[in-house]
C-alpha atoms as a PDB file:
ATOM      1  CA  MET A   1      27.746  -3.713  -2.183  1.00  0.00           C
ATOM      2  CA  THR A   2      29.477  -6.979  -2.259  1.00  0.00           C
ATOM      3  CA  MET A   3      30.601  -8.707  -5.664  1.00  0.00           C
ATOM      4  CA  LYS A   4      27.636 -11.264  -6.086  1.00  0.00           C
ATOM      5  CA  LYS A   5      25.074  -8.791  -5.296  1.00  0.00           C
ATOM      6  CA  THR A   6      26.324  -6.736  -8.192  1.00  0.00           C
ATOM      7  CA  MET A   7      26.403  -9.164 -10.327  1.00  0.00           C
ATOM      8  CA  ALA A   8      22.571 -10.681  -9.326  1.00  0.00           C
ATOM      9  CA  VAL A   9      21.489  -6.450  -9.662  1.00  0.00           C
ATOM     10  CA  LYS A  10      23.104  -6.579 -13.425  1.00  0.00           C
ATOM     11  CA  ALA A  11      21.397  -9.863 -14.662  1.00  0.00           C
ATOM     12  CA  ALA A  12      18.367  -8.186 -12.829  1.00  0.00           C
ATOM     13  CA  TRP A  13      18.892  -5.047 -15.519  1.00  0.00           C
ATOM     14  CA  ALA A  14      19.347  -7.308 -17.920  1.00  0.00           C
ATOM     15  CA  ALA A  15      16.431 -10.074 -17.859  1.00  0.00           C
ATOM     16  CA  TRP A  16      14.550  -6.106 -17.315  1.00  0.00           C
ATOM     17  CA  ALA A  17      16.328  -5.761 -20.860  1.00  0.00           C
ATOM     18  CA  ALA A  18      14.803  -8.712 -22.507  1.00  0.00           C
ATOM     19  CA  LEU A  19      11.975  -8.177 -21.241  1.00  0.00           C
ATOM     20  CA  ALA A  20      11.427  -4.640 -21.885  1.00  0.00           C
ATOM     21  CA  LEU A  21      12.775  -6.343 -25.936  1.00  0.00           C
ATOM     22  CA  LEU A  22       9.523  -8.429 -25.569  1.00  0.00           C
ATOM     23  CA  ALA A  23       6.969  -6.280 -24.916  1.00  0.00           C
ATOM     24  CA  MET A  24       8.467  -3.889 -27.852  1.00  0.00           C
ATOM     25  CA  GLY A  25       7.576  -7.424 -30.096  1.00  0.00           C
ATOM     26  CA  GLY A  26      11.323  -7.343 -30.462  1.00  0.00           C
ATOM     27  CA  VAL A  27      11.106 -10.464 -30.528  1.00  0.00           C
ATOM     28  CA  THR A  28       8.784 -13.523 -31.191  1.00  0.00           C
ATOM     29  CA  THR A  29       8.005 -15.847 -28.722  1.00  0.00           C
ATOM     30  CA  PRO A  30       4.224 -17.514 -28.184  1.00  0.00           C
ATOM     31  CA  LEU A  31       1.683 -15.360 -25.826  1.00  0.00           C
ATOM     32  CA  HIS A  32       2.057 -17.992 -23.242  1.00  0.00           C
ATOM     33  CA  ALA A  33       5.162 -18.313 -23.269  1.00  0.00           C
ATOM     34  CA  GLN A  34       6.023 -14.159 -23.210  1.00  0.00           C
ATOM     35  CA  ASP A  35       3.624 -14.605 -19.915  1.00  0.00           C
ATOM     36  CA  LYS A  36       5.992 -16.646 -18.111  1.00  0.00           C
ATOM     37  CA  THR A  37       9.130 -15.424 -18.842  1.00  0.00           C
ATOM     38  CA  ALA A  38       7.702 -11.239 -17.643  1.00  0.00           C
ATOM     39  CA  ALA A  39       6.374 -13.395 -14.607  1.00  0.00           C
ATOM     40  CA  ASP A  40       9.353 -15.465 -13.700  1.00  0.00           C
ATOM     41  CA  GLY A  41      12.110 -12.512 -14.768  1.00  0.00           C
ATOM     42  CA  ILE A  42       9.929  -9.654 -12.655  1.00  0.00           C
ATOM     43  CA  ALA A  43       9.851 -12.352  -9.406  1.00  0.00           C
ATOM     44  CA  GLU A  44      13.854 -12.686  -9.825  1.00  0.00           C
ATOM     45  CA  TYR A  45      14.407  -8.881 -10.104  1.00  0.00           C
ATOM     46  CA  ARG A  46      12.568  -8.409  -6.728  1.00  0.00           C
ATOM     47  CA  LYS A  47      14.053 -12.253  -4.744  1.00  0.00           C
ATOM     48  CA  MET A  48      17.629 -10.449  -5.852  1.00  0.00           C
ATOM     49  CA  LEU A  49      16.529  -6.879  -4.201  1.00  0.00           C
ATOM     50  CA  GLU A  50      14.939  -8.339  -1.133  1.00  0.00           C
ATOM     51  CA  ASP A  51      18.504  -8.078   0.699  1.00  0.00           C
ATOM     52  CA  GLY A  52      18.328  -5.034   2.305  1.00  0.00           C
ATOM     53  CA  ASN A  53      15.253  -3.770   1.284  1.00  0.00           C
ATOM     54  CA  PRO A  54      15.338   0.305   0.590  1.00  0.00           C
ATOM     55  CA  ALA A  55      11.978   0.173   2.781  1.00  0.00           C
ATOM     56  CA  ASP A  56      13.794  -1.003   6.557  1.00  0.00           C
ATOM     57  CA  LEU A  57      14.826   2.789   6.724  1.00  0.00           C
ATOM     58  CA  PHE A  58      11.741   3.460   7.088  1.00  0.00           C
ATOM     59  CA  GLU A  59      10.811   1.450   8.926  1.00  0.00           C
ATOM     60  CA  ALA A  60      13.390   2.073  11.544  1.00  0.00           C
ATOM     61  CA  LYS A  61      12.604   5.555  11.082  1.00  0.00           C
ATOM     62  CA  GLY A  62       9.263   4.606  11.719  1.00  0.00           C
ATOM     63  CA  GLU A  63       9.735   3.022  14.377  1.00  0.00           C
ATOM     64  CA  ASP A  64      12.353   5.712  16.396  1.00  0.00           C
ATOM     65  CA  LEU A  65       9.356   8.634  15.707  1.00  0.00           C
ATOM     66  CA  TRP A  66       6.826   6.659  17.339  1.00  0.00           C
ATOM     67  CA  LYS A  67       8.817   6.741  20.473  1.00  0.00           C
ATOM     68  CA  GLN A  68       9.791  10.201  19.836  1.00  0.00           C
ATOM     69  CA  LYS A  69       8.353  13.230  22.116  1.00  0.00           C
ATOM     70  CA  ARG A  70       6.677  15.379  19.530  1.00  0.00           C
ATOM     71  CA  GLY A  71       4.917  18.035  18.994  1.00  0.00           C
ATOM     72  CA  PRO A  72       3.085  20.865  20.239  1.00  0.00           C
ATOM     73  CA  LYS A  73       1.899  18.851  22.839  1.00  0.00           C
ATOM     74  CA  LYS A  74       6.076  17.024  23.719  1.00  0.00           C
ATOM     75  CA  ALA A  75       4.721  13.573  23.285  1.00  0.00           C
ATOM     76  CA  SER A  76       5.322   9.968  21.756  1.00  0.00           C
ATOM     77  CA  LEU A  77       2.941   8.344  20.617  1.00  0.00           C
ATOM     78  CA  GLU A  78       3.360   4.804  22.658  1.00  0.00           C
ATOM     79  CA  GLN A  79      -0.597   5.495  23.760  1.00  0.00           C
ATOM     80  CA  CYS A  80      -2.105   6.271  20.406  1.00  0.00           C
ATOM     81  CA  ASP A  81      -5.487   2.776  20.099  1.00  0.00           C
ATOM     82  CA  LEU A  82      -4.461   1.550  16.238  1.00  0.00           C
ATOM     83  CA  GLY A  83      -7.659  -0.423  17.652  1.00  0.00           C
ATOM     84  CA  LYS A  84      -5.803  -3.199  19.690  1.00  0.00           C
ATOM     85  CA  GLY A  85      -5.439  -1.395  22.178  1.00  0.00           C
ATOM     86  CA  PRO A  86      -3.405   2.077  23.785  1.00  0.00           C
ATOM     87  CA  GLY A  87       0.664   0.840  21.947  1.00  0.00           C
ATOM     88  CA  VAL A  88      -0.635  -2.007  20.864  1.00  0.00           C
ATOM     89  CA  VAL A  89       1.626  -2.239  17.187  1.00  0.00           C
ATOM     90  CA  LYS A  90       1.733  -5.622  16.154  1.00  0.00           C
ATOM     91  CA  GLY A  91      -1.206  -7.149  14.746  1.00  0.00           C
ATOM     92  CA  ALA A  92      -3.158  -4.038  14.636  1.00  0.00           C
ATOM     93  CA  PHE A  93      -2.320  -3.404  10.512  1.00  0.00           C
ATOM     94  CA  VAL A  94      -4.152  -6.758   9.345  1.00  0.00           C
ATOM     95  CA  GLU A  95      -7.727  -5.234  11.206  1.00  0.00           C
ATOM     96  CA  MET A  96      -7.947  -2.025   9.327  1.00  0.00           C
ATOM     97  CA  PRO A  97      -9.753  -0.397   8.633  1.00  0.00           C
ATOM     98  CA  ARG A  98     -11.764  -0.670  10.891  1.00  0.00           C
ATOM     99  CA  TYR A  99     -14.479   1.843  12.807  1.00  0.00           C
ATOM    100  CA  PHE A 100     -13.654   3.814  16.043  1.00  0.00           C
ATOM    101  CA  ALA A 101     -16.052   5.403  18.543  1.00  0.00           C
ATOM    102  CA  ASP A 102     -13.668   8.201  19.514  1.00  0.00           C
ATOM    103  CA  THR A 103     -13.364   9.838  16.050  1.00  0.00           C
ATOM    104  CA  GLN A 104     -16.967   8.013  15.271  1.00  0.00           C
ATOM    105  CA  ARG A 105     -15.573   7.070  11.557  1.00  0.00           C
ATOM    106  CA  VAL A 106     -14.286   4.068   9.439  1.00  0.00           C
ATOM    107  CA  GLN A 107      -9.623   5.279   9.527  1.00  0.00           C
ATOM    108  CA  ASP A 108      -7.011   3.474   8.116  1.00  0.00           C
ATOM    109  CA  LEU A 109      -3.569   3.158   9.512  1.00  0.00           C
ATOM    110  CA  GLU A 110      -2.886   6.500   7.927  1.00  0.00           C
ATOM    111  CA  SER A 111      -5.912   8.588   8.974  1.00  0.00           C
ATOM    112  CA  ARG A 112      -5.486   6.489  12.487  1.00  0.00           C
ATOM    113  CA  LEU A 113      -2.111   7.804  12.383  1.00  0.00           C
ATOM    114  CA  VAL A 114      -2.728  11.493  12.143  1.00  0.00           C
ATOM    115  CA  SER A 115      -5.336  11.194  14.466  1.00  0.00           C
ATOM    116  CA  CYS A 116      -3.320  10.523  17.005  1.00  0.00           C
ATOM    117  CA  MET A 117      -0.540  12.985  16.371  1.00  0.00           C
ATOM    118  CA  ALA A 118      -3.387  15.251  16.734  1.00  0.00           C
ATOM    119  CA  THR A 119      -4.383  14.439  19.730  1.00  0.00           C
ATOM    120  CA  LEU A 120      -1.459  13.524  21.821  1.00  0.00           C
ATOM    121  CA  GLN A 121       1.078  15.512  20.143  1.00  0.00           C
ATOM    122  CA  GLY A 122      -0.665  18.094  19.320  1.00  0.00           C
ATOM    123  CA  PHE A 123       0.165  18.733  15.814  1.00  0.00           C
ATOM    124  CA  ASN A 124      -2.612  20.490  13.235  1.00  0.00           C
ATOM    125  CA  GLU A 125      -4.655  17.278  11.456  1.00  0.00           C
ATOM    126  CA  ASP A 126      -5.631  19.366   8.342  1.00  0.00           C
ATOM    127  CA  GLU A 127      -2.229  21.050   7.802  1.00  0.00           C
ATOM    128  CA  ILE A 128      -1.260  17.540   7.914  1.00  0.00           C
ATOM    129  CA  LYS A 129      -3.384  16.020   5.120  1.00  0.00           C
ATOM    130  CA  LYS A 130      -3.264  18.966   3.113  1.00  0.00           C
ATOM    131  CA  THR A 131       0.741  18.398   2.725  1.00  0.00           C
ATOM    132  CA  PRO A 132       2.145  16.780  -0.412  1.00  0.00           C
ATOM    133  CA  PHE A 133       3.031  12.970  -0.287  1.00  0.00           C
ATOM    134  CA  GLY A 134       6.718  12.748   0.899  1.00  0.00           C
ATOM    135  CA  ARG A 135       7.095  16.064   2.586  1.00  0.00           C
ATOM    136  CA  GLY A 136       6.872  17.069   5.681  1.00  0.00           C
ATOM    137  CA  GLU A 137       5.240  15.522   8.507  1.00  0.00           C
ATOM    138  CA  MET A 138       3.687  13.895   5.702  1.00  0.00           C
ATOM    139  CA  ALA A 139       6.560  12.229   4.677  1.00  0.00           C
ATOM    140  CA  ASN A 140       6.841  10.939   8.267  1.00  0.00           C
ATOM    141  CA  VAL A 141       3.289  10.008   8.367  1.00  0.00           C
ATOM    142  CA  THR A 142       4.595   7.202   5.647  1.00  0.00           C
ATOM    143  CA  ALA A 143       7.372   5.836   8.072  1.00  0.00           C
ATOM    144  CA  LEU A 144       4.843   5.598  11.205  1.00  0.00           C
ATOM    145  CA  ALA A 145       2.953   3.564   8.556  1.00  0.00           C
ATOM    146  CA  THR A 146       5.297   1.191   7.183  1.00  0.00           C
ATOM    147  CA  TRP A 147       6.590   0.637  10.996  1.00  0.00           C
ATOM    148  CA  VAL A 148       3.227   0.121  12.162  1.00  0.00           C
ATOM    149  CA  ALA A 149       2.509  -2.220   9.106  1.00  0.00           C
ATOM    150  CA  ALA A 150       5.951  -4.459   9.259  1.00  0.00           C
ATOM    151  CA  SER A 151       4.789  -5.057  12.829  1.00  0.00           C
ATOM    152  CA  SER A 152       2.328  -7.515  10.993  1.00  0.00           C
ATOM    153  CA  LYS A 153       3.982  -9.157   8.720  1.00  0.00           C
ATOM    154  CA  GLY A 154       3.329 -12.489   7.948  1.00  0.00           C
ATOM    155  CA  MET A 155      -0.283 -11.966   9.537  1.00  0.00           C
ATOM    156  CA  LYS A 156      -3.859 -12.363   8.032  1.00  0.00           C
ATOM    157  CA  PHE A 157      -5.827 -10.021   6.839  1.00  0.00           C
ATOM    158  CA  ASN A 158      -9.071  -9.827   9.141  1.00  0.00           C
ATOM    159  CA  LEU A 159     -10.912  -7.090   9.363  1.00  0.00           C
ATOM    160  CA  PRO A 160     -13.508  -6.528  10.989  1.00  0.00           C
ATOM    161  CA  GLN A 161     -17.441  -5.757   9.940  1.00  0.00           C
ATOM    162  CA  ALA A 162     -20.030  -6.168  12.770  1.00  0.00           C
ATOM    163  CA  HIS A 163     -19.893  -2.112  13.702  1.00  0.00           C
ATOM    164  CA  PRO A 164     -22.781  -0.489  10.264  1.00  0.00           C
ATOM    165  CA  GLU A 165     -20.823   1.278   9.323  1.00  0.00           C
ATOM    166  CA  GLU A 166     -17.860  -1.039   8.258  1.00  0.00           C
ATOM    167  CA  LYS A 167     -20.626  -3.164   6.391  1.00  0.00           C
ATOM    168  CA  ARG A 168     -21.398   0.445   4.825  1.00  0.00           C
ATOM    169  CA  PHE A 169     -17.756   1.320   4.153  1.00  0.00           C
ATOM    170  CA  TYR A 170     -17.399  -2.065   2.760  1.00  0.00           C
ATOM    171  CA  GLU A 171     -19.778  -1.468   0.423  1.00  0.00           C
ATOM    172  CA  LEU A 172     -18.844   2.551  -0.605  1.00  0.00           C
ATOM    173  CA  GLY A 173     -15.163   0.989  -1.496  1.00  0.00           C
ATOM    174  CA  LYS A 174     -17.733  -2.047  -3.921  1.00  0.00           C
ATOM    175  CA  ARG A 175     -19.476   1.216  -5.409  1.00  0.00           C
ATOM    176  CA  ALA A 176     -16.206   2.937  -6.062  1.00  0.00           C
ATOM    177  CA  PHE A 177     -14.234   0.168  -7.269  1.00  0.00           C
ATOM    178  CA  PHE A 178     -17.159  -0.500 -10.087  1.00  0.00           C
ATOM    179  CA  PHE A 179     -17.543   2.551 -10.742  1.00  0.00           C
ATOM    180  CA  ARG A 180     -16.223   4.099 -14.396  1.00  0.00           C
ATOM    181  CA  GLY A 181     -16.653   7.325 -15.058  1.00  0.00           C
ATOM    182  CA  GLY A 182     -13.415  10.165 -16.531  1.00  0.00           C
ATOM    183  CA  THR A 183     -11.765  11.170 -19.964  1.00  0.00           C
ATOM    184  CA  HIS A 184     -11.040   6.894 -20.321  1.00  0.00           C
ATOM    185  CA  ASP A 185     -14.239   5.436 -18.823  1.00  0.00           C
ATOM    186  CA  PHE A 186     -11.914   3.796 -16.114  1.00  0.00           C
ATOM    187  CA  SER A 187     -12.586   2.112 -13.570  1.00  0.00           C
ATOM    188  CA  CYS A 188     -10.418   0.555 -10.265  1.00  0.00           C
ATOM    189  CA  ALA A 189     -12.279  -3.125 -12.077  1.00  0.00           C
ATOM    190  CA  ALA A 190     -10.716  -2.085 -15.567  1.00  0.00           C
ATOM    191  CA  CYS A 191      -7.367  -3.665 -14.906  1.00  0.00           C
ATOM    192  CA  HIS A 192      -8.532  -5.362 -11.452  1.00  0.00           C
ATOM    193  CA  ALA A 193     -10.998  -7.594 -11.884  1.00  0.00           C
ATOM    194  CA  GLN A 194     -10.250 -10.251 -14.080  1.00  0.00           C
ATOM    195  CA  ASP A 195      -7.720 -13.183 -13.201  1.00  0.00           C
ATOM    196  CA  ASN A 196      -4.555 -13.452 -15.518  1.00  0.00           C
ATOM    197  CA  ILE A 197      -4.248 -10.020 -17.168  1.00  0.00           C
ATOM    198  CA  ARG A 198      -1.183  -7.473 -17.392  1.00  0.00           C
ATOM    199  CA  ILE A 199      -0.143  -4.322 -18.468  1.00  0.00           C
ATOM    200  CA  ARG A 200       3.339  -3.495 -20.003  1.00  0.00           C
ATOM    201  CA  LEU A 201       5.166  -6.493 -17.795  1.00  0.00           C
ATOM    202  CA  GLN A 202       3.162  -5.951 -14.816  1.00  0.00           C
ATOM    203  CA  ASP A 203       0.556  -8.736 -13.689  1.00  0.00           C
ATOM    204  CA  LEU A 204      -2.421  -6.491 -12.618  1.00  0.00           C
ATOM    205  CA  PRO A 205      -3.788  -9.343  -9.060  1.00  0.00           C
ATOM    206  CA  ASN A 206      -7.732  -9.429  -9.225  1.00  0.00           C
ATOM    207  CA  LEU A 207      -8.403  -7.483  -6.341  1.00  0.00           C
ATOM    208  CA  THR A 208     -12.001  -8.214  -5.867  1.00  0.00           C
ATOM    209  CA  LYS A 209     -11.442 -12.189  -4.675  1.00  0.00           C
ATOM    210  CA  ASN A 210      -7.479 -13.850  -2.903  1.00  0.00           C
ATOM    211  CA  PRO A 211      -5.606 -15.339  -4.041  1.00  0.00           C
ATOM    212  CA  GLY A 212      -5.236 -11.677  -5.819  1.00  0.00           C
ATOM    213  CA  ASP A 213      -6.324  -9.054  -2.783  1.00  0.00           C
ATOM    214  CA  GLY A 214      -2.979 -11.269  -1.611  1.00  0.00           C
ATOM    215  CA  VAL A 215      -0.822 -10.331  -3.624  1.00  0.00           C
ATOM    216  CA  GLY A 216      -2.156  -6.474  -4.218  1.00  0.00           C
ATOM    217  CA  PHE A 217      -3.418  -5.329  -1.128  1.00  0.00           C
ATOM    218  CA  ALA A 218      -1.513  -7.263   1.120  1.00  0.00           C
ATOM    219  CA  ALA A 219       1.941  -5.687  -0.346  1.00  0.00           C
ATOM    220  CA  TRP A 220       1.375  -1.596   0.297  1.00  0.00           C
ATOM    221  CA  PRO A 221       3.529   0.290   2.408  1.00  0.00           C
ATOM    222  CA  ALA A 222       6.201  -0.724  -0.342  1.00  0.00           C
ATOM    223  CA  TYR A 223       9.189   0.597  -2.150  1.00  0.00           C
ATOM    224  CA  ARG A 224       9.244   1.657  -5.784  1.00  0.00           C
ATOM    225  CA  VAL A 225      12.387   1.005  -6.931  1.00  0.00           C
ATOM    226  CA  SER A 226      11.803   2.975  -9.915  1.00  0.00           C
ATOM    227  CA  ASN A 227      11.360   6.694  -8.501  1.00  0.00           C
ATOM    228  CA  GLY A 228      13.357   5.420  -5.126  1.00  0.00           C
ATOM    229  CA  GLN A 229      10.216   6.384  -2.768  1.00  0.00           C
ATOM    230  CA  MET A 230       8.322   4.998  -0.002  1.00  0.00           C
ATOM    231  CA  TRP A 231       4.677   4.741  -1.725  1.00  0.00           C
ATOM    232  CA  SER A 232       1.312   3.727   1.330  1.00  0.00           C
ATOM    233  CA  MET A 233      -1.661   2.453  -0.086  1.00  0.00           C
ATOM    234  CA  GLN A 234      -3.244   6.636  -0.025  1.00  0.00           C
ATOM    235  CA  LEU A 235      -0.620   7.622  -2.498  1.00  0.00           C
ATOM    236  CA  ARG A 236      -1.565   3.953  -4.336  1.00  0.00           C
ATOM    237  CA  LEU A 237      -4.619   4.350  -4.683  1.00  0.00           C
ATOM    238  CA  ASN A 238      -3.992   8.635  -5.552  1.00  0.00           C
ATOM    239  CA  ASP A 239      -2.223   7.388  -8.035  1.00  0.00           C
ATOM    240  CA  CYS A 240      -4.864   4.906  -9.474  1.00  0.00           C
ATOM    241  CA  TYR A 241      -7.013   7.491  -9.931  1.00  0.00           C
ATOM    242  CA  ARG A 242      -4.005   9.765 -11.453  1.00  0.00           C
ATOM    243  CA  GLN A 243      -3.884   7.038 -13.664  1.00  0.00           C
ATOM    244  CA  GLN A 244      -7.995   6.805 -14.862  1.00  0.00           C
ATOM    245  CA  ARG A 245      -8.147  10.663 -15.284  1.00  0.00           C
ATOM    246  CA  PHE A 246      -9.815  11.320 -12.155  1.00  0.00           C
ATOM    247  CA  PRO A 247      -9.369  14.538 -10.132  1.00  0.00           C
ATOM    248  CA  TYR A 248      -7.141  13.434  -7.308  1.00  0.00           C
ATOM    249  CA  PRO A 249      -8.801  12.062  -4.246  1.00  0.00           C
ATOM    250  CA  GLY A 250      -8.142  14.098  -0.619  1.00  0.00           C
ATOM    251  CA  PHE A 251      -6.041  12.629   1.558  1.00  0.00           C
ATOM    252  CA  ALA A 252      -7.901  10.212   3.676  1.00  0.00           C
ATOM    253  CA  SER A 253     -10.811  10.586   1.755  1.00  0.00           C
ATOM    254  CA  ASP A 254     -14.077   8.751   2.458  1.00  0.00           C
ATOM    255  CA  VAL A 255     -13.968   7.221  -0.805  1.00  0.00           C
ATOM    256  CA  THR A 256      -9.710   6.083  -0.317  1.00  0.00           C
ATOM    257  CA  ILE A 257     -10.942   4.647   3.080  1.00  0.00           C
ATOM    258  CA  ALA A 258     -13.753   3.116   1.666  1.00  0.00           C
ATOM    259  CA  LEU A 259     -11.497   1.823  -0.996  1.00  0.00           C
ATOM    260  CA  GLY A 260      -9.070  -0.227   1.619  1.00  0.00           C
ATOM    261  CA  SER A 261     -12.124  -0.910   3.354  1.00  0.00           C
ATOM    262  CA  TYR A 262     -13.404  -3.244   0.298  1.00  0.00           C
ATOM    263  CA  MET A 263      -9.853  -4.371  -0.550  1.00  0.00           C
ATOM    264  CA  GLY A 264      -8.536  -5.341   2.825  1.00  0.00           C
ATOM    265  CA  VAL A 265     -12.148  -7.728   3.351  1.00  0.00           C
ATOM    266  CA  ASN A 266     -11.279  -9.401   0.452  1.00  0.00           C
ATOM    267  CA  ALA A 267      -7.874 -10.281   1.289  1.00  0.00           C
ATOM    268  CA  LYS A 268      -9.382 -11.825   4.244  1.00  0.00           C
ATOM    269  CA  GLY A 269      -6.809 -15.375   4.916  1.00  0.00           C
ATOM    270  CA  ALA A 270      -4.131 -13.315   2.758  1.00  0.00           C
ATOM    271  CA  ALA A 271      -0.895 -12.758   4.945  1.00  0.00           C
ATOM    272  CA  SER A 272       0.924  -9.566   4.809  1.00  0.00           C
ATOM    273  CA  ALA A 273       3.729  -9.534   2.403  1.00  0.00           C
ATOM    274  CA  VAL A 274       4.333  -5.314   3.887  1.00  0.00           C
ATOM    275  CA  PRO A 275       6.659  -3.988   3.395  1.00  0.00           C
ATOM    276  CA  THR A 276       7.194  -4.926  -0.052  1.00  0.00           C
ATOM    277  CA  ILE A 277       9.315  -4.435  -3.430  1.00  0.00           C
ATOM    278  CA  LYS A 278       8.021  -2.823  -6.475  1.00  0.00           C
ATOM    279  CA  ARG A 279       9.305  -1.696  -9.731  1.00  0.00           C
END
């Protein structure tokens, strides 16, 4: 690590320490000033870490996995159709979830990749879906999703809504987003349906519209510095349900894909920023 970067990281940690002190009430500052300090500090921290984002390693792994001949069929994924035609990667991420005629389902990026791994390479789709995040072929799915998503960086979200199933999944996602339940009577909307709110030092984007949805939905997959892991959208939604004290949803279940459809449609026009860095 260069001296300049070392000093930048130290400064970032110092900023985090100061912000934590504010959050615990160690310094009395007007709320609006605290908000500005927290938001600016977090933005500076992320900016410092952009150069050398560990997500780049996952992206490189994903590209390699795409081209490798793997699985029982000893085939690559280079003929996988992500909605733009066999093998076309650029622009696919910003139009997903979408309906696929061959599976007769609305699929997000991760579930579509698993389908391709099953049909083209011969992997067991059910076994992959049962694998914990970060392990085995599920870790490979995350790397593949990171590379595919990064190939559309800067492109604007424009999810198709022409097929009846795409419209149905959007409405299902909307209902799931506002559904309250569990031991704490939470919903996705409890944290993500208002402007200018935060939890601890973290701004909470309003995912019912832009620009909030462009900040939230358009930022995953992302590398999480706090635990040194690459998180996909499926894992992000899984953890959101954990925080709501709901049962964990199954990987690529209808509810997670429907939520992706709802947020993705709401993000129309926002530029994809993945892979990003999160706290």
